[in-house]
Amino acid sequence: MQILVFQLAEAAAALPTTAIRQVLPLLQLTRFPTAPAGVAGLMNLHGAAIPVVDVTAMSGGPAARARQDTRILLVDFTLPEGGSRPLGLVVEGVAGVRRVTARAPRPAGVRLPDYPWLGEVLETPEGLWLWLEPDRLLSPTLAALLFQEAA
C-alpha cells in the first residue's frame, strides 16, 4: 500500500495515496475571522473556491506553520447525504510517499469522541502511525457549513 506520511503534532501520521487527488503547496487562503476552529479558509483552485481545514488545529494543536514541508492535500470528502466535494487539508511535515507492507489500519484502542477521524493506527516497521480518515474529519454540522450549496 502507498501512503503519504506527515506530522500531526509530535506524531507520525499517514493516509492512503488513493484518498488524495492532488498535493499542493501552501497556497494563499481567504480566511474568515469568525470561522470555527480548524477552518483555515478558502483556496482558489482553477477558478473554484474550495474549503480548506487545518488538520493540526482540528486535532487541538496550534495552526499549521507555513514551512517548506507544509502542504495542502486535496481530497474528495464524502457528504453525509451522498456525493462528494473537494476539500483541502493543511498538513505539516510532509515526508513524502512511502510503500509499506502493512496490514490494514486497526483500532488504536483509545476512543476519542471529539476526534473520530483519529481512531485507528497503522503498524509499520518504524512504529505506530496515526491513520487519518478524511471522510470522518468533518462533523455533519461543519460539513453543512463548508458545503452549503450542496446541502
Protein backbone atom coordinates (compact mmCIF):
# COMPACT_ATOMS: atom_id res chain seq x y z
CA MET A 1 0.00 0.00 0.00
CA GLN A 2 1.21 3.52 -0.74
CA ILE A 3 0.76 6.18 1.91
CA LEU A 4 1.61 9.84 2.35
CA VAL A 5 3.42 10.45 5.63
CA PHE A 6 3.24 13.72 7.57
CA GLN A 7 3.49 15.05 11.12
CA LEU A 8 0.48 15.63 13.35
CA ALA A 9 1.74 17.46 16.41
CA GLU A 10 4.67 15.27 17.51
CA ALA A 11 3.36 12.04 15.97
CA ALA A 12 3.82 10.46 12.57
CA ALA A 13 0.56 10.25 10.65
CA ALA A 14 -0.46 8.83 7.30
CA LEU A 15 -3.28 8.44 4.84
CA PRO A 16 -3.54 6.33 1.71
CA THR A 17 -2.47 7.98 -1.52
CA THR A 18 -5.71 6.69 -3.06
CA ALA A 19 -7.54 9.27 -0.91
CA ILE A 20 -5.51 12.18 -2.33
CA ARG A 21 -6.40 13.90 -5.60
CA GLN A 22 -3.51 16.34 -5.53
CA VAL A 23 -0.69 17.56 -3.27
CA LEU A 24 -0.38 21.35 -3.40
CA PRO A 25 1.99 23.86 -1.85
CA LEU A 26 0.55 26.02 0.92
CA LEU A 27 -1.49 28.41 -1.23
CA GLN A 28 -2.80 31.80 -0.19
CA LEU A 29 -6.10 31.30 1.60
CA THR A 30 -9.03 33.64 2.09
CA ARG A 31 -9.66 33.47 5.81
CA PHE A 32 -12.89 34.06 7.69
CA PRO A 33 -12.46 35.86 11.04
CA THR A 34 -15.41 34.04 12.66
CA ALA A 35 -14.77 30.58 11.19
CA PRO A 36 -14.92 27.59 13.53
CA ALA A 37 -11.66 26.23 14.93
CA GLY A 38 -9.71 24.32 12.33
CA VAL A 39 -11.23 26.03 9.30
CA ALA A 40 -8.26 27.59 7.50
CA GLY A 41 -10.28 29.35 4.78
CA LEU A 42 -10.92 29.03 1.07
CA MET A 43 -8.43 28.40 -1.72
CA ASN A 44 -8.90 29.28 -5.36
CA LEU A 45 -8.02 26.28 -7.47
CA HIS A 46 -8.56 26.74 -11.20
CA GLY A 47 -11.39 29.19 -10.52
CA ALA A 48 -13.16 27.02 -7.93
CA ALA A 49 -13.45 28.09 -4.29
CA ILE A 50 -12.52 25.06 -2.18
CA PRO A 51 -12.79 24.97 1.62
CA VAL A 52 -9.59 24.17 3.49
CA VAL A 53 -9.24 22.83 7.02
CA ASP A 54 -6.11 22.76 9.16
CA VAL A 55 -5.62 19.20 10.41
CA THR A 56 -3.17 20.29 13.13
CA ALA A 57 -5.62 22.86 14.51
CA MET A 58 -8.50 20.38 14.27
CA SER A 59 -6.52 17.98 16.47
CA GLY A 60 -6.41 20.59 19.24
CA GLY A 61 -2.97 21.97 18.44
CA PRO A 62 -1.91 25.35 17.10
CA ALA A 63 -2.47 26.24 13.45
CA ALA A 64 -0.07 24.63 10.99
CA ARG A 65 3.04 26.67 10.41
CA ALA A 66 3.95 27.92 6.94
CA ARG A 67 7.05 25.76 6.49
CA GLN A 68 8.77 24.34 3.45
CA ASP A 69 7.17 20.94 4.14
CA THR A 70 3.63 22.22 4.79
CA ARG A 71 1.20 21.16 2.09
CA ILE A 72 -2.47 21.21 1.16
CA LEU A 73 -3.82 17.76 0.34
CA LEU A 74 -6.80 17.90 -1.98
CA VAL A 75 -9.20 15.08 -1.15
CA ASP A 76 -12.78 14.17 -2.03
CA PHE A 77 -14.92 14.50 1.08
CA THR A 78 -17.98 12.24 1.06
CA LEU A 79 -21.03 14.26 2.06
CA PRO A 80 -23.40 12.79 4.67
CA GLU A 81 -26.30 12.96 2.20
CA GLY A 82 -24.27 11.34 -0.59
CA GLY A 83 -21.95 12.59 -3.29
CA SER A 84 -18.60 14.21 -2.64
CA ARG A 85 -16.92 17.60 -2.75
CA PRO A 86 -13.27 18.67 -2.90
CA LEU A 87 -11.71 19.60 0.43
CA GLY A 88 -8.22 20.90 1.21
CA LEU A 89 -6.33 19.56 4.23
CA VAL A 90 -3.39 21.61 5.54
CA VAL A 91 -0.75 19.27 6.99
CA GLU A 92 2.78 19.89 8.26
CA GLY A 93 5.94 17.89 7.97
CA VAL A 94 5.11 16.07 4.75
CA ALA A 95 7.81 13.43 4.41
CA GLY A 96 6.63 12.04 1.09
CA VAL A 97 5.05 8.89 -0.26
CA ARG A 98 6.11 5.51 1.05
CA ARG A 99 5.21 1.98 0.14
CA VAL A 100 4.55 -0.06 3.23
CA THR A 101 3.85 -3.72 3.64
CA ALA A 102 1.48 -3.21 6.47
CA ARG A 103 -1.77 -4.69 7.48
CA ALA A 104 -4.88 -2.58 7.28
CA PRO A 105 -5.17 0.15 9.90
CA ARG A 106 -6.53 -1.15 13.17
CA PRO A 107 -8.39 0.45 16.08
CA ALA A 108 -6.00 2.27 18.38
CA GLY A 109 -7.82 1.05 21.46
CA VAL A 110 -8.37 4.64 22.57
CA ARG A 111 -11.75 6.24 21.95
CA LEU A 112 -11.53 9.95 21.15
CA PRO A 113 -15.14 11.20 20.81
CA ASP A 114 -14.03 14.69 19.69
CA TYR A 115 -11.65 13.26 17.08
CA PRO A 116 -13.38 10.29 15.36
CA TRP A 117 -11.04 10.66 12.40
CA LEU A 118 -8.10 9.65 14.61
CA GLY A 119 -9.44 6.31 15.78
CA GLU A 120 -7.02 3.98 14.00
CA VAL A 121 -3.29 3.37 13.73
CA LEU A 122 -1.11 1.81 11.07
CA GLU A 123 1.50 -0.60 12.35
CA THR A 124 4.75 -0.28 10.39
CA PRO A 125 8.34 -1.42 10.98
CA GLU A 126 9.02 2.18 12.09
CA GLY A 127 6.30 2.12 14.74
CA LEU A 128 2.65 3.05 15.04
CA TRP A 129 1.44 5.88 12.84
CA LEU A 130 -1.81 7.74 13.29
CA TRP A 131 -4.21 6.94 10.45
CA LEU A 132 -6.18 9.88 9.07
CA GLU A 133 -9.69 9.18 7.79
CA PRO A 134 -10.63 12.19 5.59
CA ASP A 135 -14.31 11.21 5.41
CA ARG A 136 -14.56 11.33 9.21
CA LEU A 137 -12.75 14.67 9.54
CA LEU A 138 -15.79 16.95 9.44
CA SER A 139 -18.80 16.71 11.69
CA PRO A 140 -22.15 16.83 9.84
CA THR A 141 -22.61 20.40 11.13
CA LEU A 142 -19.21 21.54 9.86
CA ALA A 143 -19.71 19.75 6.53
CA ALA A 144 -23.05 21.55 6.08
CA LEU A 145 -21.35 24.88 6.86
CA LEU A 146 -18.47 24.33 4.40
CA PHE A 147 -20.62 22.88 1.62
CA GLN A 148 -23.82 24.93 1.96
CA GLU A 149 -24.84 24.84 -1.68
CA ALA A 150 -24.50 21.05 -1.66
CA ALA A 151 -26.71 20.61 1.41
